[in-house]
Protein backbone atom coordinates (compact mmCIF):
# COMPACT_ATOMS: atom_id res chain seq x y z
CA UNK A 1 6.99 24.06 -31.61
CA UNK A 2 7.96 22.69 -28.20
CA UNK A 3 5.38 21.58 -25.70
CA UNK A 4 6.14 23.50 -22.55
CA UNK A 5 4.10 22.95 -19.43
CA UNK A 6 1.86 25.82 -18.54
CA UNK A 7 2.73 27.71 -15.33
CA UNK A 8 -0.27 26.13 -13.60
CA UNK A 9 0.78 22.59 -14.58
CA UNK A 10 4.48 22.50 -13.84
CA UNK A 11 6.21 19.16 -13.74
CA UNK A 12 7.97 18.03 -10.62
CA UNK A 13 11.68 18.90 -10.62
CA UNK A 14 12.28 15.29 -9.57
CA UNK A 15 10.94 13.97 -12.88
CA UNK A 16 13.17 13.39 -15.87
CA UNK A 17 15.72 10.94 -14.54
CA UNK A 18 16.11 7.91 -16.75
CA UNK A 19 17.85 4.56 -16.80
CA UNK A 20 19.69 3.15 -13.83
CA UNK A 21 19.67 6.46 -11.93
CA UNK A 22 15.86 6.48 -12.04
CA UNK A 23 15.71 2.92 -10.74
CA UNK A 24 18.12 3.68 -7.90
CA UNK A 25 16.17 6.82 -6.96
CA UNK A 26 12.83 4.99 -7.15
CA UNK A 27 14.12 2.22 -4.90
CA UNK A 28 15.34 4.79 -2.37
CA UNK A 29 11.98 6.57 -2.39
CA UNK A 30 10.23 3.24 -1.89
CA UNK A 31 12.42 2.40 1.09
CA UNK A 32 11.68 5.86 2.53
CA UNK A 33 7.99 5.11 2.08
CA UNK A 34 8.25 1.78 3.90
CA UNK A 35 10.15 3.42 6.75
CA UNK A 36 7.65 6.28 7.04
CA UNK A 37 4.66 3.91 6.98
CA UNK A 38 6.21 1.67 9.62
CA UNK A 39 7.15 4.60 11.85
CA UNK A 40 3.92 6.57 11.56
CA UNK A 41 1.14 4.10 10.79
CA UNK A 42 0.08 1.69 13.54
CA UNK A 43 -2.09 -0.36 11.18
CA UNK A 44 0.77 -0.86 8.72
CA UNK A 45 3.07 -1.92 11.56
CA UNK A 46 0.50 -4.50 12.69
CA UNK A 47 0.13 -5.78 9.14
CA UNK A 48 3.90 -6.12 8.75
CA UNK A 49 4.01 -8.30 11.86
CA UNK A 50 1.01 -10.28 10.64
CA UNK A 51 2.75 -10.84 7.30
CA UNK A 52 5.88 -12.07 9.10
CA UNK A 53 3.70 -14.82 10.57
CA UNK A 54 1.37 -15.59 7.66
CA UNK A 55 3.82 -15.63 4.74
CA UNK A 56 6.15 -18.25 6.29
CA UNK A 57 3.05 -20.16 7.45
CA UNK A 58 1.82 -20.30 3.85
CA UNK A 59 5.03 -22.13 2.92
CA UNK A 60 4.97 -24.35 6.01
CA UNK A 61 1.45 -25.63 5.44
CA UNK A 62 0.91 -28.44 3.00
CA UNK A 63 -0.74 -26.57 0.18
CA UNK A 64 -0.61 -26.55 -3.58
CA UNK A 65 1.52 -23.91 -5.27
CA UNK A 66 -1.53 -21.98 -6.46
CA UNK A 67 -2.93 -21.94 -2.92
CA UNK A 68 0.38 -20.60 -1.58
CA UNK A 69 0.36 -17.90 -4.23
CA UNK A 70 -3.18 -16.88 -3.23
CA UNK A 71 -2.31 -16.91 0.47
CA UNK A 72 0.81 -14.78 0.07
CA UNK A 73 -0.89 -12.54 -2.49
CA UNK A 74 -3.79 -11.83 -0.15
CA UNK A 75 -1.34 -10.80 2.60
CA UNK A 76 0.60 -8.54 0.23
CA UNK A 77 -2.65 -7.03 -1.06
CA UNK A 78 -3.57 -5.93 2.47
CA UNK A 79 -0.20 -4.21 2.82
CA UNK A 80 -0.48 -2.54 -0.59
CA UNK A 81 -3.96 -1.20 0.13
CA UNK A 82 -2.84 -0.01 3.57
CA UNK A 83 0.07 1.90 2.01
CA UNK A 84 -2.26 3.56 -0.49
CA UNK A 85 -4.76 4.38 2.28
CA UNK A 86 -1.98 5.91 4.38
CA UNK A 87 -0.85 7.98 1.40
CA UNK A 88 -4.38 9.30 0.85
CA UNK A 89 -4.69 10.16 4.54
CA UNK A 90 -1.33 11.98 4.51
CA UNK A 91 -2.33 14.05 1.48
CA UNK A 92 -5.72 14.89 2.98
CA UNK A 93 -4.05 15.96 6.23
CA UNK A 94 -1.48 17.99 4.27
CA UNK A 95 -4.23 19.93 2.56
CA UNK A 96 -6.04 20.65 5.81
CA UNK A 97 -6.53 19.10 9.21
CA UNK A 98 -9.89 20.81 9.58
CA UNK A 99 -12.98 18.60 9.53
CA UNK A 100 -14.49 18.52 6.06
CA UNK A 101 -17.03 16.18 4.49
CA UNK A 102 -14.82 15.44 1.46
CA UNK A 103 -11.79 14.74 3.66
CA UNK A 104 -13.89 12.35 5.74
CA UNK A 105 -15.20 10.69 2.59
CA UNK A 106 -11.69 10.18 1.21
CA UNK A 107 -10.43 8.70 4.46
CA UNK A 108 -13.51 6.50 4.90
CA UNK A 109 -13.22 5.16 1.36
CA UNK A 110 -9.56 4.31 1.96
CA UNK A 111 -10.52 2.58 5.19
CA UNK A 112 -13.22 0.61 3.35
CA UNK A 113 -10.62 -0.54 0.81
CA UNK A 114 -8.42 -1.84 3.63
CA UNK A 115 -11.40 -3.61 5.18
CA UNK A 116 -12.18 -5.34 1.86
CA UNK A 117 -8.54 -6.43 1.53
CA UNK A 118 -8.66 -7.87 5.07
CA UNK A 119 -11.94 -9.68 4.32
CA UNK A 120 -10.36 -11.04 1.15
CA UNK A 121 -7.40 -12.30 3.20
CA UNK A 122 -9.74 -14.04 5.65
CA UNK A 123 -11.81 -15.62 2.89
CA UNK A 124 -8.78 -16.84 0.92
CA UNK A 125 -7.05 -18.27 3.97
CA UNK A 126 -10.29 -19.72 5.34
CA UNK A 127 -11.28 -21.45 2.10
CA UNK A 128 -7.82 -22.90 1.61
CA UNK A 129 -7.40 -24.09 5.20
CA UNK A 130 -10.89 -25.59 5.29
CA UNK A 131 -10.57 -27.37 1.94
């Protein structure tokens, strides 16, 4: 007996690619995502420019390898969380642009995640630079 998806739980027609083709497609989708975030999300654009300053600075400063890893990782974490927050916001807006308590909650929680990532960046950089 074959397991067929029910009509209410259809799989995406984009699923099912394997091997090198899947990797090439995934890379292309990721590049599309970076472009869309940069074009449409002011916060992501600001964080990209911040990362272009902070990541080279992490290698310029005299710091231990582990400290550099933490510094760069904290910058990348902000960008990752911002991308996920932007994705949540886009999905919420796709569903409806009307004001709704659950939509606000979803967007506020995503914003809180970005804030925590930014606080983490400040704490990591501050502790390392002050040590």
